[in-house]
Amino acid sequence: MTYLEFEKPLADIEGKAEELRVLARKGEGVDLEKEAAALDKKAGDMLRDLYKNLDPWRKTLVARHPERPHCGDYITQLFTEYTPLAGDRTFGEDHAVLGGLARFNDQPCVVIGHEKGNNTKSRIHHNFGMARPEGYRKAVRLMDLADRFRIPVITLVDTQGAYPGKGAEERGQSEAIARATEKCLQIGVPLVSVVIGEGGSGGAVAFATANRIAMLEHSIYSVISPEGCASILWRDAEKMREAAVALRLTAQDLKKLGVIDRIITEPTGGAQRAPADAVTAVGQVISEMLAELSSLKPAELVRDRREKFLKMGSKSLN
């Protein structure tokens, strides 16, 4: 387990409990297992207290936790007959974006998502989930395919934002994001989206302009990262905690503002503590959101999506 900075006291307790268990297995103390169990209880109580009222910055850290389930994990566990499709038929393949045809609850669908990777090699391969123009153009191609065959689109959002490199800009990064967002608004099939980690800037909006949007309890969704916001507003990236509060990036704030529709409860300690349970919870909510849209005709789905975004921002937190 990788511990976050605010989890260090918890790491000490769980570490001591594991040390006692090692000694007990070696037969160096008959009562050590009881002591370890007592430490486990203390650790469990501390974990619940730590995650009971996380501030926005701590939620940001949890959303970025390297051991949270990523797009590939959700595809593997929730979808069957997944057939990945590659390339944008213009430039090349973008490994930061996974997508293809699949079945969800035995229903044909298209699934698209950002993949960050889960170790150094795979993170570099997937460019840390930061898509280039060809990734967004691949997504447009997949959404066109879904529209043609009248099958729903499911998107899984987990990115710091679109890749800001020189090559990406030369190949039309902003135009590609705009086209993907436009395509989300045009397709006449159900489009549901789940923010499973970070939802950063236009790179996330390009996949999340959906009929229904859900967020995991400790995920974030914002126009810019807290560090970027702090650098612009205060010219000091160390003010990221204040920026996280100002951005209203938590699932709870965004639900109040009407930006998202559902909050998916995570296991105690975050999705990284029980990945399989988190994936199951996401699957249940996706199923419910698709059921809500199943009776709508193509024109009604487009209108529903359009009206949702026109109303956005009309609610206040006060």
Protein backbone atom coordinates (compact mmCIF):
# COMPACT_ATOMS: atom_id res chain seq x y z
CA MET A 1 0.00 0.00 0.00
CA THR A 2 1.20 3.47 -0.94
CA TYR A 3 0.34 5.92 1.84
CA LEU A 4 -0.53 9.55 1.22
CA GLU A 5 1.03 12.33 3.28
CA PHE A 6 -1.97 12.64 5.62
CA GLU A 7 -2.04 8.85 6.14
CA LYS A 8 1.40 8.62 7.79
CA PRO A 9 0.05 7.98 11.33
CA LEU A 10 -2.07 5.19 9.85
CA ALA A 11 0.98 3.74 8.09
CA ASP A 12 2.83 3.54 11.41
CA ILE A 13 0.01 1.62 13.11
CA GLU A 14 -0.56 -0.79 10.23
CA GLY A 15 3.20 -1.33 9.96
CA LYS A 16 3.46 -2.23 13.63
CA ALA A 17 0.52 -4.64 13.33
CA GLU A 18 2.24 -6.41 10.43
CA GLU A 19 5.52 -6.62 12.36
CA LEU A 20 3.70 -8.30 15.25
CA ARG A 21 2.12 -10.81 12.89
CA VAL A 22 5.51 -11.69 11.43
CA LEU A 23 6.85 -12.34 14.93
CA ALA A 24 3.74 -14.40 15.80
CA ARG A 25 4.24 -16.58 12.72
CA LYS A 26 7.80 -17.23 13.86
CA GLY A 27 6.45 -18.38 17.22
CA GLU A 28 8.15 -15.61 19.15
CA GLY A 29 5.05 -14.68 21.17
CA VAL A 30 1.66 -16.29 21.66
CA ASP A 31 -0.15 -13.05 22.51
CA LEU A 32 1.19 -11.03 19.62
CA GLU A 33 -1.75 -11.87 17.37
CA LYS A 34 -4.13 -10.31 19.89
CA GLU A 35 -2.00 -7.18 20.04
CA ALA A 36 -1.98 -7.04 16.24
CA ALA A 37 -5.78 -7.34 16.18
CA ALA A 38 -6.04 -4.44 18.63
CA LEU A 39 -3.82 -2.34 16.38
CA ASP A 40 -5.98 -3.32 13.39
CA LYS A 41 -9.05 -2.00 15.18
CA LYS A 42 -7.25 1.23 16.03
CA ALA A 43 -6.13 1.56 12.40
CA GLY A 44 -9.68 0.94 11.16
CA ASP A 45 -11.06 3.66 13.43
CA MET A 46 -8.34 6.08 12.31
CA LEU A 47 -9.01 5.28 8.63
CA ARG A 48 -12.72 6.07 9.03
CA ASP A 49 -11.91 9.31 10.85
CA LEU A 50 -9.39 10.39 8.21
CA TYR A 51 -11.81 9.83 5.33
CA LYS A 52 -14.93 11.11 7.07
CA ASN A 53 -14.43 14.75 6.11
CA LEU A 54 -11.61 15.07 3.60
CA ASP A 55 -10.86 18.63 2.52
CA PRO A 56 -10.62 19.38 -1.23
CA TRP A 57 -6.82 19.11 -1.33
CA ARG A 58 -6.82 15.72 0.38
CA LYS A 59 -9.50 14.56 -2.04
CA THR A 60 -7.19 15.65 -4.85
CA LEU A 61 -4.42 13.48 -3.42
CA VAL A 62 -6.78 10.50 -3.13
CA ALA A 63 -8.05 11.02 -6.69
CA ARG A 64 -4.43 10.82 -7.88
CA HIS A 65 -3.54 7.75 -5.80
CA PRO A 66 -1.49 5.43 -8.04
CA GLU A 67 -3.27 2.32 -6.78
CA ARG A 68 -6.81 3.42 -7.62
CA PRO A 69 -8.39 1.23 -10.32
CA HIS A 70 -7.78 2.69 -13.76
CA CYS A 71 -9.70 2.54 -17.03
CA GLY A 72 -8.20 -0.82 -18.04
CA ASP A 73 -9.29 -2.35 -14.72
CA TYR A 74 -12.88 -1.23 -15.25
CA ILE A 75 -12.91 -2.53 -18.81
CA THR A 76 -11.53 -5.91 -17.72
CA GLN A 77 -14.02 -6.39 -14.87
CA LEU A 78 -17.20 -4.76 -16.19
CA PHE A 79 -17.16 -5.46 -19.91
CA THR A 80 -17.12 -8.63 -21.97
CA GLU A 81 -16.08 -9.25 -25.58
CA TYR A 82 -14.04 -6.05 -25.49
CA THR A 83 -12.48 -5.40 -28.90
CA PRO A 84 -10.10 -2.42 -28.83
CA LEU A 85 -9.97 -0.16 -31.88
CA ALA A 86 -6.81 1.81 -32.59
CA GLY A 87 -5.86 4.94 -34.49
CA ASP A 88 -7.66 8.04 -35.69
CA ARG A 89 -7.18 7.27 -39.42
CA THR A 90 -5.36 10.60 -39.71
CA PHE A 91 -2.08 10.47 -37.80
CA GLY A 92 -1.69 7.45 -35.53
CA GLU A 93 -2.57 5.68 -32.30
CA ASP A 94 -2.76 7.38 -28.89
CA HIS A 95 -2.20 4.94 -26.03
CA ALA A 96 -3.51 7.46 -23.48
CA VAL A 97 -7.04 6.69 -24.72
CA LEU A 98 -8.50 3.20 -24.61
CA GLY A 99 -11.62 2.50 -26.62
CA GLY A 100 -13.50 -0.10 -28.53
CA LEU A 101 -16.60 -2.23 -28.90
CA ALA A 102 -17.76 -4.32 -25.96
CA ARG A 103 -20.74 -5.69 -24.10
CA PHE A 104 -21.98 -4.26 -20.82
CA ASN A 105 -24.49 -6.52 -19.06
CA ASP A 106 -24.61 -8.37 -22.39
CA GLN A 107 -25.69 -5.18 -24.18
CA PRO A 108 -23.50 -3.98 -27.09
CA CYS A 109 -21.80 -0.65 -26.40
CA VAL A 110 -18.78 1.50 -27.09
CA VAL A 111 -16.45 2.20 -24.15
CA ILE A 112 -13.86 5.01 -24.17
CA GLY A 113 -11.56 6.13 -21.39
CA HIS A 114 -8.27 7.69 -20.31
CA GLU A 115 -5.65 5.21 -19.11
CA LYS A 116 -2.87 6.43 -16.80
CA GLY A 117 -1.03 3.13 -16.33
CA ASN A 118 -0.09 1.42 -13.07
CA ASN A 119 3.72 1.29 -13.10
CA THR A 120 6.54 3.37 -14.53
CA LYS A 121 6.70 1.52 -17.85
CA SER A 122 2.94 1.56 -18.47
CA ARG A 123 2.58 5.17 -17.35
CA ILE A 124 5.14 6.26 -19.91
CA HIS A 125 3.44 4.06 -22.53
CA HIS A 126 0.07 5.67 -21.80
CA ASN A 127 1.58 9.17 -21.40
CA PHE A 128 0.15 9.38 -17.88
CA GLY A 129 -3.39 9.54 -19.30
CA MET A 130 -2.78 12.82 -21.12
CA ALA A 131 -4.25 12.46 -24.60
CA ARG A 132 -2.92 13.97 -27.80
CA PRO A 133 -5.14 15.10 -30.72
CA GLU A 134 -5.19 11.62 -32.22
CA GLY A 135 -6.69 10.29 -28.97
CA TYR A 136 -9.64 12.67 -29.19
CA ARG A 137 -10.05 11.97 -32.90
CA LYS A 138 -10.09 8.26 -32.13
CA ALA A 139 -12.86 8.95 -29.61
CA VAL A 140 -14.82 10.85 -32.27
CA ARG A 141 -14.45 7.87 -34.62
CA LEU A 142 -15.76 5.54 -31.92
CA MET A 143 -18.71 7.79 -31.11
CA ASP A 144 -19.59 7.95 -34.82
CA LEU A 145 -19.53 4.15 -34.87
CA ALA A 146 -21.83 3.96 -31.86
CA ASP A 147 -24.24 6.45 -33.44
CA ARG A 148 -24.31 4.49 -36.69
CA PHE A 149 -25.17 1.21 -34.95
CA ARG A 150 -27.41 2.79 -32.28
CA ILE A 151 -25.47 1.50 -29.28
CA PRO A 152 -24.73 3.46 -26.08
CA VAL A 153 -21.41 5.13 -25.28
CA ILE A 154 -19.79 4.76 -21.85
CA THR A 155 -16.82 7.00 -21.01
CA LEU A 156 -14.39 6.71 -18.09
CA VAL A 157 -12.60 9.96 -17.27
CA ASP A 158 -9.22 10.00 -15.55
CA THR A 159 -6.79 12.63 -16.80
CA GLN A 160 -4.90 15.67 -15.55
CA GLY A 161 -5.77 17.24 -18.88
CA ALA A 162 -4.86 17.04 -22.55
CA TYR A 163 -1.16 16.76 -23.35
CA PRO A 164 0.32 20.29 -23.79
CA GLY A 165 3.34 19.30 -25.90
CA LYS A 166 4.52 21.10 -29.00
CA GLY A 167 3.65 18.24 -31.35
CA ALA A 168 0.14 18.01 -29.94
CA GLU A 169 -0.39 21.72 -30.49
CA GLU A 170 0.97 21.49 -34.02
CA ARG A 171 -1.52 18.71 -34.81
CA GLY A 172 -4.49 20.76 -33.55
CA GLN A 173 -5.01 19.85 -29.90
CA SER A 174 -7.68 22.45 -29.14
CA GLU A 175 -9.56 21.71 -32.36
CA ALA A 176 -9.55 17.98 -31.61
CA ILE A 177 -10.94 18.57 -28.10
CA ALA A 178 -13.62 20.87 -29.50
CA ARG A 179 -14.61 18.28 -32.13
CA ALA A 180 -14.88 15.56 -29.48
CA THR A 181 -17.04 17.79 -27.28
CA GLU A 182 -19.21 18.67 -30.28
CA LYS A 183 -19.59 15.00 -31.17
CA CYS A 184 -20.74 14.23 -27.62
CA LEU A 185 -23.54 16.76 -28.09
CA GLN A 186 -24.55 15.41 -31.51
CA ILE A 187 -24.86 11.64 -31.18
CA GLY A 188 -28.36 10.24 -30.86
CA VAL A 189 -27.50 7.41 -28.47
CA PRO A 190 -27.25 7.29 -24.66
CA LEU A 191 -23.96 8.73 -23.42
CA VAL A 192 -23.00 8.21 -19.79
CA SER A 193 -19.74 9.22 -18.14
CA VAL A 194 -17.98 8.42 -14.87
CA VAL A 195 -15.07 10.41 -13.41
CA ILE A 196 -13.02 7.64 -11.79
CA GLY A 197 -10.04 9.75 -10.71
CA GLU A 198 -9.10 13.15 -12.09
CA GLY A 199 -11.28 15.10 -14.48
CA GLY A 200 -8.95 17.81 -15.71
CA SER A 201 -9.91 20.70 -17.98
CA GLY A 202 -11.03 20.29 -21.60
CA GLY A 203 -9.29 16.94 -21.76
CA ALA A 204 -12.02 15.61 -19.48
CA VAL A 205 -14.94 17.62 -20.90
CA ALA A 206 -14.30 16.07 -24.33
CA PHE A 207 -15.42 12.71 -22.89
CA ALA A 208 -17.82 13.90 -20.18
CA THR A 209 -20.31 15.99 -22.17
CA ALA A 210 -22.86 13.29 -21.43
CA ASN A 211 -26.54 12.74 -20.66
CA ARG A 212 -25.58 11.49 -17.20
CA ILE A 213 -22.35 12.16 -15.32
CA ALA A 214 -21.29 10.36 -12.14
CA MET A 215 -18.20 10.79 -9.98
CA LEU A 216 -16.55 8.51 -7.49
CA GLU A 217 -16.80 10.00 -4.01
CA HIS A 218 -13.15 11.05 -3.80
CA SER A 219 -12.56 11.96 -7.44
CA ILE A 220 -12.17 15.55 -8.69
CA TYR A 221 -13.38 17.47 -11.75
CA SER A 222 -12.15 20.99 -12.50
CA VAL A 223 -11.16 23.48 -15.18
CA ILE A 224 -7.51 23.41 -14.06
CA SER A 225 -5.38 21.61 -11.50
CA PRO A 226 -5.06 23.22 -8.04
CA GLU A 227 -1.33 23.75 -8.67
CA GLY A 228 -2.02 25.46 -12.01
CA CYS A 229 -4.74 27.61 -10.50
CA ALA A 230 -2.46 28.67 -7.63
CA SER A 231 0.32 29.57 -10.07
CA ILE A 232 -2.04 31.82 -12.03
CA LEU A 233 -3.99 33.46 -9.19
CA TRP A 234 -1.28 33.78 -6.55
CA ARG A 235 1.87 33.12 -8.60
CA ASP A 236 2.68 30.47 -6.02
CA ALA A 237 2.05 26.77 -6.72
CA GLU A 238 2.36 26.06 -2.98
CA LYS A 239 -1.05 27.67 -2.46
CA MET A 240 -2.67 24.61 -4.07
CA ARG A 241 -4.70 23.91 -0.93
CA GLU A 242 -6.44 27.28 -1.15
CA ALA A 243 -6.91 26.77 -4.89
CA ALA A 244 -8.50 23.35 -4.36
CA VAL A 245 -11.13 24.98 -2.13
CA ALA A 246 -11.74 27.85 -4.56
CA LEU A 247 -12.15 25.54 -7.56
CA ARG A 248 -15.12 23.64 -6.05
CA LEU A 249 -13.67 20.48 -7.59
CA THR A 250 -15.13 17.82 -5.28
CA ALA A 251 -17.98 15.52 -6.24
CA GLN A 252 -20.05 16.93 -3.38
CA ASP A 253 -19.73 20.55 -4.57
CA LEU A 254 -20.32 19.62 -8.21
CA LYS A 255 -23.47 17.69 -7.33
CA LYS A 256 -24.84 20.78 -5.54
CA LEU A 257 -23.97 22.93 -8.56
CA GLY A 258 -25.73 20.56 -10.95
CA VAL A 259 -22.57 19.75 -12.91
CA ILE A 260 -22.86 16.03 -12.13
CA ASP A 261 -25.83 13.78 -11.46
CA ARG A 262 -24.58 11.09 -9.08
CA ILE A 263 -21.91 10.44 -6.46
CA ILE A 264 -20.65 6.87 -6.18
CA THR A 265 -19.70 5.86 -2.65
CA GLU A 266 -16.18 4.49 -2.34
CA PRO A 267 -14.95 1.83 0.11
CA THR A 268 -13.63 3.18 3.42
CA GLY A 269 -10.18 4.56 2.71
CA GLY A 270 -10.86 5.15 -0.99
CA ALA A 271 -11.12 2.99 -4.10
CA GLN A 272 -7.45 2.03 -3.74
CA ARG A 273 -8.24 0.05 -0.56
CA ALA A 274 -10.81 -2.22 -2.22
CA PRO A 275 -10.56 -1.84 -6.01
CA ALA A 276 -12.95 -4.69 -6.84
CA ASP A 277 -15.69 -3.16 -4.67
CA ALA A 278 -15.20 0.25 -6.28
CA VAL A 279 -15.43 -1.24 -9.78
CA THR A 280 -18.62 -3.10 -8.84
CA ALA A 281 -20.18 0.12 -7.49
CA VAL A 282 -19.32 1.98 -10.71
CA GLY A 283 -20.82 -0.82 -12.78
CA GLN A 284 -24.08 -0.64 -10.83
CA VAL A 285 -24.40 3.11 -11.36
CA ILE A 286 -23.61 2.82 -15.08
CA SER A 287 -26.37 0.23 -15.38
CA GLU A 288 -28.85 2.53 -13.60
CA MET A 289 -27.93 5.56 -15.71
CA LEU A 290 -28.35 3.60 -18.96
CA ALA A 291 -31.72 2.34 -17.75
CA GLU A 292 -32.86 5.95 -17.18
CA LEU A 293 -32.09 6.76 -20.82
CA SER A 294 -33.25 3.54 -22.47
CA SER A 295 -36.72 4.81 -23.40
CA LEU A 296 -35.57 8.09 -24.99
CA LYS A 297 -35.50 8.48 -28.77
CA PRO A 298 -32.40 9.88 -30.56
CA ALA A 299 -33.78 13.43 -30.80
CA GLU A 300 -34.81 13.31 -27.14
CA LEU A 301 -31.33 12.16 -26.09
CA VAL A 302 -29.71 15.04 -27.97
CA ARG A 303 -32.16 17.52 -26.47
CA ASP A 304 -31.68 16.08 -22.96
CA ARG A 305 -27.92 16.52 -23.27
CA ARG A 306 -28.19 20.03 -24.67
CA GLU A 307 -30.60 21.21 -21.97
CA LYS A 308 -28.43 19.68 -19.25
CA PHE A 309 -25.45 21.80 -20.26
CA LEU A 310 -27.45 24.96 -20.90
CA LYS A 311 -28.74 24.77 -17.31
CA MET A 312 -25.30 24.18 -15.87
CA GLY A 313 -24.15 26.90 -13.52
CA SER A 314 -27.68 28.06 -12.68
CA LYS A 315 -27.43 26.50 -9.20
CA SER A 316 -25.50 28.06 -6.35
CA LEU A 317 -23.67 26.57 -3.39
CA ASN A 318 -25.01 29.32 -1.14
